[in-house]
Amino acid sequence: CAMDLQRAPPYFQFINLHRVHHHISEIALSQRLAAMAAALLQVDRVRLYQTGMFVKDPFGVNNPTNWHKDLNMVPLDTNDYVTFWCPRRKLHHSDSALTFLSGSHKDTAAFNWNLFS
C-alpha cells in the first residue's frame, strides 16, 4: 500500500531498546542518569519506565517537532517523571535541536497548543 506522505508520522519509534541492545542498556541504566533523575525529582531512588528511540523521517529530518509534553503520553498517575534526550549523533547548528519552554511542566494546557493549528 502507498504511504500518504502528508499524513505520515514525522518519525519512526522504537520502544524498550535497552532490553535488546547492550549499549543502550548501559546508558539507560547508568548510575549517572539515575542520580540526575533522582536529584531533579528530589527523591532517593528512581525506576526506568522505558527507553524510546525516535528516528525522524528522512523526508522531514530537520522539520521541527510540535510542542508537546512527554508525560501526557505515559500511563502513570504522577507528575514525578523525567525524560532524558540523548542524540545519537553530533548535532549541527542547522539541525532541529531540543528547545525547552520555561515553566511548561506546570501548564496543563500546553498539550493542546497545536491541536487546532
PDB file of N, CA and C in Angstrom:
ATOM      1  N   CYS A   1       0.838  -1.174   0.000  1.00  0.00           N
ATOM      2  CA  CYS A   1       0.000   0.000   0.000  1.00  0.00           C
ATOM      3  C   CYS A   1       0.886   1.241   0.000  1.00  0.00           C
ATOM      4  N   ALA A   2       0.454   2.266  -0.671  1.00  0.00           N
ATOM      5  CA  ALA A   2       1.220   3.502  -0.763  1.00  0.00           C
ATOM      6  C   ALA A   2       1.050   4.317   0.509  1.00  0.00           C
ATOM      7  N   MET A   3       2.129   4.983   0.931  1.00  0.00           N
ATOM      8  CA  MET A   3       2.070   5.820   2.126  1.00  0.00           C
ATOM      9  C   MET A   3       1.760   7.254   1.726  1.00  0.00           C
ATOM     10  N   ASP A   4       0.773   7.830   2.357  1.00  0.00           N
ATOM     11  CA  ASP A   4       0.418   9.232   2.149  1.00  0.00           C
ATOM     12  C   ASP A   4       1.401  10.075   2.954  1.00  0.00           C
ATOM     13  N   LEU A   5       2.373  10.716   2.292  1.00  0.00           N
ATOM     14  CA  LEU A   5       3.409  11.472   2.986  1.00  0.00           C
ATOM     15  C   LEU A   5       2.866  12.686   3.716  1.00  0.00           C
ATOM     16  N   GLN A   6       1.692  13.172   3.332  1.00  0.00           N
ATOM     17  CA  GLN A   6       1.094  14.298   4.044  1.00  0.00           C
ATOM     18  C   GLN A   6       0.580  13.875   5.420  1.00  0.00           C
ATOM     19  N   ARG A   7       0.235  12.588   5.582  1.00  0.00           N
ATOM     20  CA  ARG A   7      -0.330  12.107   6.836  1.00  0.00           C
ATOM     21  C   ARG A   7       0.616  11.158   7.565  1.00  0.00           C
ATOM     22  N   ALA A   8       1.796  10.921   7.027  1.00  0.00           N
ATOM     23  CA  ALA A   8       2.745  10.002   7.647  1.00  0.00           C
ATOM     24  C   ALA A   8       3.282  10.588   8.952  1.00  0.00           C
ATOM     25  N   PRO A   9       3.591   9.735   9.924  1.00  0.00           N
ATOM     26  CA  PRO A   9       4.176  10.264  11.163  1.00  0.00           C
ATOM     27  C   PRO A   9       5.535  10.898  10.880  1.00  0.00           C
ATOM     28  N   PRO A  10       5.925  11.897  11.686  1.00  0.00           N
ATOM     29  CA  PRO A  10       7.193  12.591  11.428  1.00  0.00           C
ATOM     30  C   PRO A  10       8.408  11.794  11.874  1.00  0.00           C
ATOM     31  N   TYR A  11       8.201  10.619  12.470  1.00  0.00           N
ATOM     32  CA  TYR A  11       9.316   9.819  12.967  1.00  0.00           C
ATOM     33  C   TYR A  11       8.897   8.353  13.057  1.00  0.00           C
ATOM     34  N   PHE A  12       9.904   7.508  13.169  1.00  0.00           N
ATOM     35  CA  PHE A  12       9.690   6.090  13.423  1.00  0.00           C
ATOM     36  C   PHE A  12      10.084   5.853  14.878  1.00  0.00           C
ATOM     37  N   GLN A  13       9.311   5.079  15.597  1.00  0.00           N
ATOM     38  CA  GLN A  13       9.501   4.923  17.033  1.00  0.00           C
ATOM     39  C   GLN A  13       9.866   3.474  17.373  1.00  0.00           C
ATOM     40  N   PHE A  14      10.881   3.329  18.226  1.00  0.00           N
ATOM     41  CA  PHE A  14      11.304   2.028  18.726  1.00  0.00           C
ATOM     42  C   PHE A  14      11.297   2.109  20.252  1.00  0.00           C
ATOM     43  N   ILE A  15      10.611   1.191  20.905  1.00  0.00           N
ATOM     44  CA  ILE A  15      10.439   1.242  22.354  1.00  0.00           C
ATOM     45  C   ILE A  15      11.223   0.115  23.031  1.00  0.00           C
ATOM     46  N   ASN A  16      11.788   0.435  24.192  1.00  0.00           N
ATOM     47  CA  ASN A  16      12.498  -0.501  25.065  1.00  0.00           C
ATOM     48  C   ASN A  16      13.691  -1.196  24.402  1.00  0.00           C
ATOM     49  N   LEU A  17      14.448  -0.414  23.659  1.00  0.00           N
ATOM     50  CA  LEU A  17      15.660  -0.964  23.045  1.00  0.00           C
ATOM     51  C   LEU A  17      16.686  -1.386  24.083  1.00  0.00           C
ATOM     52  N   HIS A  18      16.591  -0.862  25.299  1.00  0.00           N
ATOM     53  CA  HIS A  18      17.538  -1.247  26.348  1.00  0.00           C
ATOM     54  C   HIS A  18      17.425  -2.738  26.681  1.00  0.00           C
ATOM     55  N   ARG A  19      16.320  -3.358  26.331  1.00  0.00           N
ATOM     56  CA  ARG A  19      16.134  -4.788  26.595  1.00  0.00           C
ATOM     57  C   ARG A  19      16.885  -5.668  25.596  1.00  0.00           C
ATOM     58  N   VAL A  20      17.230  -5.106  24.449  1.00  0.00           N
ATOM     59  CA  VAL A  20      17.879  -5.919  23.409  1.00  0.00           C
ATOM     60  C   VAL A  20      19.209  -5.348  22.917  1.00  0.00           C
ATOM     61  N   HIS A  21      19.536  -4.136  23.301  1.00  0.00           N
ATOM     62  CA  HIS A  21      20.763  -3.500  22.819  1.00  0.00           C
ATOM     63  C   HIS A  21      21.641  -3.147  24.019  1.00  0.00           C
ATOM     64  N   HIS A  22      22.778  -3.792  24.128  1.00  0.00           N
ATOM     65  CA  HIS A  22      23.653  -3.650  25.286  1.00  0.00           C
ATOM     66  C   HIS A  22      24.092  -2.202  25.520  1.00  0.00           C
ATOM     67  N   HIS A  23      24.488  -1.487  24.467  1.00  0.00           N
ATOM     68  CA  HIS A  23      24.971  -0.115  24.621  1.00  0.00           C
ATOM     69  C   HIS A  23      23.865   0.800  25.157  1.00  0.00           C
ATOM     70  N   ILE A  24      22.666   0.656  24.637  1.00  0.00           N
ATOM     71  CA  ILE A  24      21.553   1.481  25.117  1.00  0.00           C
ATOM     72  C   ILE A  24      21.206   1.115  26.556  1.00  0.00           C
ATOM     73  N   SER A  25      21.296  -0.165  26.893  1.00  0.00           N
ATOM     74  CA  SER A  25      21.063  -0.598  28.272  1.00  0.00           C
ATOM     75  C   SER A  25      22.067   0.042  29.226  1.00  0.00           C
ATOM     76  N   GLU A  26      23.340   0.077  28.836  1.00  0.00           N
ATOM     77  CA  GLU A  26      24.363   0.697  29.688  1.00  0.00           C
ATOM     78  C   GLU A  26      24.058   2.174  29.946  1.00  0.00           C
ATOM     79  N   ILE A  27      23.609   2.863  28.937  1.00  0.00           N
ATOM     80  CA  ILE A  27      23.283   4.287  29.089  1.00  0.00           C
ATOM     81  C   ILE A  27      22.027   4.459  29.944  1.00  0.00           C
ATOM     82  N   ALA A  28      20.959   3.749  29.593  1.00  0.00           N
ATOM     83  CA  ALA A  28      19.675   3.920  30.270  1.00  0.00           C
ATOM     84  C   ALA A  28      19.727   3.510  31.736  1.00  0.00           C
ATOM     85  N   LEU A  29      20.531   2.510  32.055  1.00  0.00           N
ATOM     86  CA  LEU A  29      20.593   2.009  33.424  1.00  0.00           C
ATOM     87  C   LEU A  29      21.810   2.540  34.188  1.00  0.00           C
ATOM     88  N   SER A  30      22.447   3.559  33.648  1.00  0.00           N
ATOM     89  CA  SER A  30      23.664   4.081  34.280  1.00  0.00           C
ATOM     90  C   SER A  30      23.360   4.783  35.599  1.00  0.00           C
ATOM     91  N   GLN A  31      24.294   4.684  36.512  1.00  0.00           N
ATOM     92  CA  GLN A  31      24.175   5.375  37.801  1.00  0.00           C
ATOM     93  C   GLN A  31      24.118   6.884  37.601  1.00  0.00           C
ATOM     94  N   ARG A  32      24.819   7.374  36.599  1.00  0.00           N
ATOM     95  CA  ARG A  32      24.861   8.819  36.346  1.00  0.00           C
ATOM     96  C   ARG A  32      23.479   9.374  35.998  1.00  0.00           C
ATOM     97  N   LEU A  33      22.775   8.721  35.064  1.00  0.00           N
ATOM     98  CA  LEU A  33      21.426   9.184  34.715  1.00  0.00           C
ATOM     99  C   LEU A  33      20.467   9.013  35.887  1.00  0.00           C
ATOM    100  N   ALA A  34      20.591   7.900  36.612  1.00  0.00           N
ATOM    101  CA  ALA A  34      19.726   7.673  37.773  1.00  0.00           C
ATOM    102  C   ALA A  34      19.934   8.754  38.826  1.00  0.00           C
ATOM    103  N   ALA A  35      21.178   9.123  39.067  1.00  0.00           N
ATOM    104  CA  ALA A  35      21.475  10.164  40.058  1.00  0.00           C
ATOM    105  C   ALA A  35      20.920  11.515  39.617  1.00  0.00           C
ATOM    106  N   MET A  36      21.036  11.829  38.326  1.00  0.00           N
ATOM    107  CA  MET A  36      20.479  13.097  37.830  1.00  0.00           C
ATOM    108  C   MET A  36      18.964  13.112  37.965  1.00  0.00           C
ATOM    109  N   ALA A  37      18.306  12.004  37.603  1.00  0.00           N
ATOM    110  CA  ALA A  37      16.848  11.930  37.706  1.00  0.00           C
ATOM    111  C   ALA A  37      16.405  12.060  39.160  1.00  0.00           C
ATOM    112  N   ALA A  38      17.085  11.360  40.059  1.00  0.00           N
ATOM    113  CA  ALA A  38      16.736  11.434  41.480  1.00  0.00           C
ATOM    114  C   ALA A  38      16.922  12.844  42.023  1.00  0.00           C
ATOM    115  N   ALA A  39      17.974  13.505  41.616  1.00  0.00           N
ATOM    116  CA  ALA A  39      18.210  14.878  42.069  1.00  0.00           C
ATOM    117  C   ALA A  39      17.126  15.821  41.545  1.00  0.00           C
ATOM    118  N   LEU A  40      16.757  15.681  40.271  1.00  0.00           N
ATOM    119  CA  LEU A  40      15.714  16.537  39.708  1.00  0.00           C
ATOM    120  C   LEU A  40      14.366  16.312  40.380  1.00  0.00           C
ATOM    121  N   LEU A  41      14.078  15.060  40.711  1.00  0.00           N
ATOM    122  CA  LEU A  41      12.801  14.729  41.342  1.00  0.00           C
ATOM    123  C   LEU A  41      12.831  14.872  42.855  1.00  0.00           C
ATOM    124  N   GLN A  42      14.021  15.095  43.397  1.00  0.00           N
ATOM    125  CA  GLN A  42      14.223  15.226  44.847  1.00  0.00           C
ATOM    126  C   GLN A  42      13.726  13.979  45.581  1.00  0.00           C
ATOM    127  N   VAL A  43      14.196  12.815  45.092  1.00  0.00           N
ATOM    128  CA  VAL A  43      13.864  11.518  45.699  1.00  0.00           C
ATOM    129  C   VAL A  43      15.148  10.710  45.876  1.00  0.00           C
ATOM    130  N   ASP A  44      15.064   9.627  46.636  1.00  0.00           N
ATOM    131  CA  ASP A  44      16.233   8.781  46.878  1.00  0.00           C
ATOM    132  C   ASP A  44      16.489   7.778  45.754  1.00  0.00           C
ATOM    133  N   ARG A  45      15.407   7.283  45.133  1.00  0.00           N
ATOM    134  CA  ARG A  45      15.539   6.244  44.110  1.00  0.00           C
ATOM    135  C   ARG A  45      14.623   6.545  42.934  1.00  0.00           C
ATOM    136  N   VAL A  46      14.995   6.013  41.781  1.00  0.00           N
ATOM    137  CA  VAL A  46      14.154   6.125  40.584  1.00  0.00           C
ATOM    138  C   VAL A  46      14.095   4.766  39.898  1.00  0.00           C
ATOM    139  N   ARG A  47      13.092   4.603  39.056  1.00  0.00           N
ATOM    140  CA  ARG A  47      12.956   3.392  38.244  1.00  0.00           C
ATOM    141  C   ARG A  47      12.835   3.795  36.783  1.00  0.00           C
ATOM    142  N   LEU A  48      13.353   2.951  35.919  1.00  0.00           N
ATOM    143  CA  LEU A  48      13.254   3.183  34.479  1.00  0.00           C
ATOM    144  C   LEU A  48      11.893   2.700  33.996  1.00  0.00           C
ATOM    145  N   TYR A  49      11.140   3.578  33.371  1.00  0.00           N
ATOM    146  CA  TYR A  49       9.848   3.199  32.801  1.00  0.00           C
ATOM    147  C   TYR A  49      10.046   2.566  31.431  1.00  0.00           C
ATOM    148  N   GLN A  50      10.761   3.259  30.541  1.00  0.00           N
ATOM    149  CA  GLN A  50      11.026   2.715  29.215  1.00  0.00           C
ATOM    150  C   GLN A  50      12.115   3.526  28.539  1.00  0.00           C
ATOM    151  N   THR A  51      12.654   2.964  27.489  1.00  0.00           N
ATOM    152  CA  THR A  51      13.530   3.705  26.595  1.00  0.00           C
ATOM    153  C   THR A  51      12.802   3.836  25.267  1.00  0.00           C
ATOM    154  N   GLY A  52      13.093   4.897  24.565  1.00  0.00           N
ATOM    155  CA  GLY A  52      12.477   5.097  23.268  1.00  0.00           C
ATOM    156  C   GLY A  52      13.461   5.738  22.316  1.00  0.00           C
ATOM    157  N   MET A  53      13.462   5.273  21.091  1.00  0.00           N
ATOM    158  CA  MET A  53      14.281   5.898  20.053  1.00  0.00           C
ATOM    159  C   MET A  53      13.327   6.390  18.971  1.00  0.00           C
ATOM    160  N   PHE A  54      13.471   7.648  18.636  1.00  0.00           N
ATOM    161  CA  PHE A  54      12.645   8.267  17.609  1.00  0.00           C
ATOM    162  C   PHE A  54      13.561   8.667  16.466  1.00  0.00           C
ATOM    163  N   VAL A  55      13.336   8.082  15.317  1.00  0.00           N
ATOM    164  CA  VAL A  55      14.145   8.365  14.135  1.00  0.00           C
ATOM    165  C   VAL A  55      13.268   9.158  13.180  1.00  0.00           C
ATOM    166  N   LYS A  56      13.691  10.381  12.911  1.00  0.00           N
ATOM    167  CA  LYS A  56      12.887  11.237  12.042  1.00  0.00           C
ATOM    168  C   LYS A  56      12.876  10.721  10.608  1.00  0.00           C
ATOM    169  N   ASP A  57      11.745  10.917   9.958  1.00  0.00           N
ATOM    170  CA  ASP A  57      11.548  10.548   8.570  1.00  0.00           C
ATOM    171  C   ASP A  57      12.577  11.292   7.710  1.00  0.00           C
ATOM    172  N   PRO A  58      13.287  10.596   6.834  1.00  0.00           N
ATOM    173  CA  PRO A  58      14.317  11.272   6.024  1.00  0.00           C
ATOM    174  C   PRO A  58      13.770  12.403   5.155  1.00  0.00           C
ATOM    175  N   PHE A  59      12.462  12.400   4.870  1.00  0.00           N
ATOM    176  CA  PHE A  59      11.887  13.479   4.068  1.00  0.00           C
ATOM    177  C   PHE A  59      11.668  14.742   4.881  1.00  0.00           C
ATOM    178  N   GLY A  60      11.675  14.628   6.215  1.00  0.00           N
ATOM    179  CA  GLY A  60      11.428  15.786   7.056  1.00  0.00           C
ATOM    180  C   GLY A  60      12.382  15.836   8.227  1.00  0.00           C
ATOM    181  N   VAL A  61      13.620  15.394   8.017  1.00  0.00           N
ATOM    182  CA  VAL A  61      14.564  15.196   9.117  1.00  0.00           C
ATOM    183  C   VAL A  61      14.821  16.458   9.924  1.00  0.00           C
ATOM    184  N   ASN A  62      14.777  17.635   9.324  1.00  0.00           N
ATOM    185  CA  ASN A  62      15.041  18.851  10.075  1.00  0.00           C
ATOM    186  C   ASN A  62      13.793  19.681  10.333  1.00  0.00           C
ATOM    187  N   ASN A  63      12.628  19.106  10.070  1.00  0.00           N
ATOM    188  CA  ASN A  63      11.407  19.816  10.419  1.00  0.00           C
ATOM    189  C   ASN A  63      11.234  19.772  11.933  1.00  0.00           C
ATOM    190  N   PRO A  64      10.863  20.872  12.537  1.00  0.00           N
ATOM    191  CA  PRO A  64      10.696  20.867  13.999  1.00  0.00           C
ATOM    192  C   PRO A  64       9.515  19.996  14.417  1.00  0.00           C
ATOM    193  N   THR A  65       9.637  19.404  15.594  1.00  0.00           N
ATOM    194  CA  THR A  65       8.544  18.651  16.196  1.00  0.00           C
ATOM    195  C   THR A  65       7.655  19.642  16.935  1.00  0.00           C
ATOM    196  N   ASN A  66       6.346  19.456  16.852  1.00  0.00           N
ATOM    197  CA  ASN A  66       5.429  20.363  17.550  1.00  0.00           C
ATOM    198  C   ASN A  66       5.676  20.321  19.052  1.00  0.00           C
ATOM    199  N   TRP A  67       5.310  21.413  19.718  1.00  0.00           N
ATOM    200  CA  TRP A  67       5.382  21.451  21.173  1.00  0.00           C
ATOM    201  C   TRP A  67       4.567  20.296  21.726  1.00  0.00           C
ATOM    202  N   HIS A  68       5.098  19.635  22.733  1.00  0.00           N
ATOM    203  CA  HIS A  68       4.377  18.536  23.362  1.00  0.00           C
ATOM    204  C   HIS A  68       4.936  18.288  24.757  1.00  0.00           C
ATOM    205  N   LYS A  69       4.214  17.513  25.538  1.00  0.00           N
ATOM    206  CA  LYS A  69       4.650  17.110  26.874  1.00  0.00           C
ATOM    207  C   LYS A  69       4.719  15.589  26.889  1.00  0.00           C
ATOM    208  N   ASP A  70       5.880  15.054  27.214  1.00  0.00           N
ATOM    209  CA  ASP A  70       6.039  13.606  27.239  1.00  0.00           C
ATOM    210  C   ASP A  70       5.134  12.945  28.266  1.00  0.00           C
ATOM    211  N   LEU A  71       4.911  13.591  29.398  1.00  0.00           N
ATOM    212  CA  LEU A  71       4.134  12.990  30.479  1.00  0.00           C
ATOM    213  C   LEU A  71       2.701  12.675  30.054  1.00  0.00           C
ATOM    214  N   ASN A  72       2.147  13.442  29.128  1.00  0.00           N
ATOM    215  CA  ASN A  72       0.781  13.180  28.668  1.00  0.00           C
ATOM    216  C   ASN A  72       0.656  11.846  27.940  1.00  0.00           C
ATOM    217  N   MET A  73       1.763  11.278  27.494  1.00  0.00           N
ATOM    218  CA  MET A  73       1.747  10.014  26.752  1.00  0.00           C
ATOM    219  C   MET A  73       2.074   8.815  27.634  1.00  0.00           C
ATOM    220  N   VAL A  74       2.257   9.046  28.929  1.00  0.00           N
ATOM    221  CA  VAL A  74       2.688   7.992  29.848  1.00  0.00           C
ATOM    222  C   VAL A  74       1.519   7.591  30.746  1.00  0.00           C
ATOM    223  N   PRO A  75       1.195   6.302  30.816  1.00  0.00           N
ATOM    224  CA  PRO A  75       0.051   5.866  31.632  1.00  0.00           C
ATOM    225  C   PRO A  75       0.390   5.737  33.115  1.00  0.00           C
ATOM    226  N   LEU A  76       0.912   6.794  33.703  1.00  0.00           N
ATOM    227  CA  LEU A  76       1.263   6.814  35.115  1.00  0.00           C
ATOM    228  C   LEU A  76       0.508   7.950  35.796  1.00  0.00           C
ATOM    229  N   ASP A  77       0.054   7.706  36.996  1.00  0.00           N
ATOM    230  CA  ASP A  77      -0.676   8.719  37.753  1.00  0.00           C
ATOM    231  C   ASP A  77       0.298   9.475  38.653  1.00  0.00           C
ATOM    232  N   THR A  78       1.158  10.270  38.030  1.00  0.00           N
ATOM    233  CA  THR A  78       2.163  11.024  38.776  1.00  0.00           C
ATOM    234  C   THR A  78       2.689  12.166  37.923  1.00  0.00           C
ATOM    235  N   ASN A  79       3.211  13.168  38.569  1.00  0.00           N
ATOM    236  CA  ASN A  79       3.956  14.221  37.885  1.00  0.00           C
ATOM    237  C   ASN A  79       5.445  14.041  38.093  1.00  0.00           C
ATOM    238  N   ASP A  80       5.817  13.038  38.883  1.00  0.00           N
ATOM    239  CA  ASP A  80       7.226  12.759  39.164  1.00  0.00           C
ATOM    240  C   ASP A  80       7.795  11.878  38.058  1.00  0.00           C
ATOM    241  N   TYR A  81       8.139  12.531  36.966  1.00  0.00           N
ATOM    242  CA  TYR A  81       8.565  11.824  35.754  1.00  0.00           C
ATOM    243  C   TYR A  81       9.614  12.685  35.058  1.00  0.00           C
ATOM    244  N   VAL A  82      10.697  12.069  34.648  1.00  0.00           N
ATOM    245  CA  VAL A  82      11.775  12.789  33.971  1.00  0.00           C
ATOM    246  C   VAL A  82      12.110  12.067  32.674  1.00  0.00           C
ATOM    247  N   THR A  83      12.337  12.834  31.620  1.00  0.00           N
ATOM    248  CA  THR A  83      12.841  12.245  30.381  1.00  0.00           C
ATOM    249  C   THR A  83      14.216  12.832  30.089  1.00  0.00           C
ATOM    250  N   PHE A  84      15.048  12.040  29.453  1.00  0.00           N
ATOM    251  CA  PHE A  84      16.368  12.491  29.007  1.00  0.00           C
ATOM    252  C   PHE A  84      16.422  12.377  27.498  1.00  0.00           C
ATOM    253  N   TRP A  85      16.887  13.424  26.860  1.00  0.00           N
ATOM    254  CA  TRP A  85      17.027  13.455  25.413  1.00  0.00           C
ATOM    255  C   TRP A  85      18.499  13.284  25.089  1.00  0.00           C
ATOM    256  N   CYS A  86      18.825  12.240  24.378  1.00  0.00           N
ATOM    257  CA  CYS A  86      20.223  11.931  24.048  1.00  0.00           C
ATOM    258  C   CYS A  86      20.350  11.718  22.549  1.00  0.00           C
ATOM    259  N   PRO A  87      20.847  12.695  21.808  1.00  0.00           N
ATOM    260  CA  PRO A  87      21.019  12.493  20.361  1.00  0.00           C
ATOM    261  C   PRO A  87      22.050  11.411  20.089  1.00  0.00           C
ATOM    262  N   ARG A  88      21.840  10.642  19.040  1.00  0.00           N
ATOM    263  CA  ARG A  88      22.727   9.534  18.694  1.00  0.00           C
ATOM    264  C   ARG A  88      23.845   9.945  17.738  1.00  0.00           C
ATOM    265  N   ARG A  89      23.901  11.218  17.400  1.00  0.00           N
ATOM    266  CA  ARG A  89      24.978  11.718  16.547  1.00  0.00           C
ATOM    267  C   ARG A  89      25.252  13.162  16.934  1.00  0.00           C
ATOM    268  N   LYS A  90      26.382  13.674  16.496  1.00  0.00           N
ATOM    269  CA  LYS A  90      26.717  15.063  16.754  1.00  0.00           C
ATOM    270  C   LYS A  90      25.737  15.964  16.013  1.00  0.00           C
ATOM    271  N   LEU A  91      25.233  16.965  16.713  1.00  0.00           N
ATOM    272  CA  LEU A  91      24.280  17.885  16.109  1.00  0.00           C
ATOM    273  C   LEU A  91      25.004  19.083  15.511  1.00  0.00           C
ATOM    274  N   HIS A  92      24.404  19.612  14.469  1.00  0.00           N
ATOM    275  CA  HIS A  92      24.925  20.800  13.808  1.00  0.00           C
ATOM    276  C   HIS A  92      23.948  21.948  14.029  1.00  0.00           C
ATOM    277  N   HIS A  93      24.423  23.149  13.831  1.00  0.00           N
ATOM    278  CA  HIS A  93      23.596  24.342  14.047  1.00  0.00           C
ATOM    279  C   HIS A  93      22.301  24.285  13.225  1.00  0.00           C
ATOM    280  N   SER A  94      22.352  23.695  12.042  1.00  0.00           N
ATOM    281  CA  SER A  94      21.175  23.645  11.168  1.00  0.00           C
ATOM    282  C   SER A  94      20.180  22.560  11.579  1.00  0.00           C
ATOM    283  N   ASP A  95      20.558  21.692  12.523  1.00  0.00           N
ATOM    284  CA  ASP A  95      19.653  20.635  12.979  1.00  0.00           C
ATOM    285  C   ASP A  95      18.530  21.202  13.830  1.00  0.00           C
ATOM    286  N   SER A  96      17.475  20.447  13.883  1.00  0.00           N
ATOM    287  CA  SER A  96      16.337  20.793  14.734  1.00  0.00           C
ATOM    288  C   SER A  96      16.619  20.264  16.139  1.00  0.00           C
ATOM    289  N   ALA A  97      17.230  21.092  16.968  1.00  0.00           N
ATOM    290  CA  ALA A  97      17.645  20.668  18.312  1.00  0.00           C
ATOM    291  C   ALA A  97      16.507  20.860  19.313  1.00  0.00           C
ATOM    292  N   LEU A  98      16.675  20.293  20.481  1.00  0.00           N
ATOM    293  CA  LEU A  98      15.677  20.354  21.536  1.00  0.00           C
ATOM    294  C   LEU A  98      15.564  21.775  22.105  1.00  0.00           C
ATOM    295  N   THR A  99      14.340  22.221  22.321  1.00  0.00           N
ATOM    296  CA  THR A  99      14.062  23.522  22.903  1.00  0.00           C
ATOM    297  C   THR A  99      13.117  23.324  24.080  1.00  0.00           C
ATOM    298  N   PHE A 100      13.362  24.052  25.149  1.00  0.00           N
ATOM    299  CA  PHE A 100      12.508  23.974  26.331  1.00  0.00           C
ATOM    300  C   PHE A 100      11.701  25.248  26.466  1.00  0.00           C
ATOM    301  N   LEU A 101      10.512  25.121  26.996  1.00  0.00           N
ATOM    302  CA  LEU A 101       9.678  26.267  27.291  1.00  0.00           C
ATOM    303  C   LEU A 101       9.585  26.366  28.809  1.00  0.00           C
ATOM    304  N   SER A 102      10.228  27.355  29.367  1.00  0.00           N
ATOM    305  CA  SER A 102      10.317  27.502  30.819  1.00  0.00           C
ATOM    306  C   SER A 102       8.933  27.497  31.471  1.00  0.00           C
ATOM    307  N   GLY A 103       8.773  26.627  32.473  1.00  0.00           N
ATOM    308  CA  GLY A 103       7.533  26.541  33.219  1.00  0.00           C
ATOM    309  C   GLY A 103       6.450  25.700  32.564  1.00  0.00           C
ATOM    310  N   SER A 104       6.708  25.147  31.388  1.00  0.00           N
ATOM    311  CA  SER A 104       5.666  24.401  30.678  1.00  0.00           C
ATOM    312  C   SER A 104       5.247  23.138  31.413  1.00  0.00           C
ATOM    313  N   HIS A 105       6.097  22.631  32.281  1.00  0.00           N
ATOM    314  CA  HIS A 105       5.729  21.437  33.046  1.00  0.00           C
ATOM    315  C   HIS A 105       4.589  21.730  34.026  1.00  0.00           C
ATOM    316  N   LYS A 106       4.312  23.002  34.258  1.00  0.00           N
ATOM    317  CA  LYS A 106       3.238  23.387  35.166  1.00  0.00           C
ATOM    318  C   LYS A 106       1.970  23.774  34.423  1.00  0.00           C
ATOM    319  N   ASP A 107       2.033  23.889  33.116  1.00  0.00           N
ATOM    320  CA  ASP A 107       0.915  24.366  32.304  1.00  0.00           C
ATOM    321  C   ASP A 107       0.172  23.190  31.692  1.00  0.00           C
ATOM    322  N   THR A 108      -0.973  22.846  32.259  1.00  0.00           N
ATOM    323  CA  THR A 108      -1.714  21.684  31.768  1.00  0.00           C
ATOM    324  C   THR A 108      -2.322  21.910  30.389  1.00  0.00           C
ATOM    325  N   ALA A 109      -2.424  23.139  29.947  1.00  0.00           N
ATOM    326  CA  ALA A 109      -2.988  23.416  28.625  1.00  0.00           C
ATOM    327  C   ALA A 109      -1.954  23.259  27.516  1.00  0.00           C
ATOM    328  N   ALA A 110      -0.678  23.135  27.861  1.00  0.00           N
ATOM    329  CA  ALA A 110       0.369  23.097  26.840  1.00  0.00           C
ATOM    330  C   ALA A 110       0.167  21.974  25.843  1.00  0.00           C
ATOM    331  N   PHE A 111      -0.401  20.862  26.285  1.00  0.00           N
ATOM    332  CA  PHE A 111      -0.610  19.732  25.382  1.00  0.00           C
ATOM    333  C   PHE A 111      -1.542  20.111  24.237  1.00  0.00           C
ATOM    334  N   ASN A 112      -2.447  21.052  24.455  1.00  0.00           N
ATOM    335  CA  ASN A 112      -3.442  21.395  23.463  1.00  0.00           C
ATOM    336  C   ASN A 112      -3.051  22.555  22.541  1.00  0.00           C
ATOM    337  N   TRP A 113      -1.872  23.107  22.700  1.00  0.00           N
ATOM    338  CA  TRP A 113      -1.476  24.280  21.934  1.00  0.00           C
ATOM    339  C   TRP A 113      -1.566  24.081  20.430  1.00  0.00           C
ATOM    340  N   ASN A 114      -1.232  22.920  19.925  1.00  0.00           N
ATOM    341  CA  ASN A 114      -1.185  22.723  18.472  1.00  0.00           C
ATOM    342  C   ASN A 114      -2.298  21.829  17.935  1.00  0.00           C
ATOM    343  N   LEU A 115      -3.264  21.497  18.758  1.00  0.00           N
ATOM    344  CA  LEU A 115      -4.340  20.617  18.279  1.00  0.00           C
ATOM    345  C   LEU A 115      -5.157  21.244  17.177  1.00  0.00           C
ATOM    346  N   PHE A 116      -5.329  22.559  17.211  1.00  0.00           N
ATOM    347  CA  PHE A 116      -6.215  23.202  16.259  1.00  0.00           C
ATOM    348  C   PHE A 116      -5.490  24.136  15.298  1.00  0.00           C
ATOM    349  N   SER A 117      -4.180  23.998  15.206  1.00  0.00           N
ATOM    350  CA  SER A 117      -3.438  24.884  14.297  1.00  0.00           C
ATOM    351  C   SER A 117      -3.302  24.267  12.930  1.00  0.00           C
TER     352      SER A 117
END
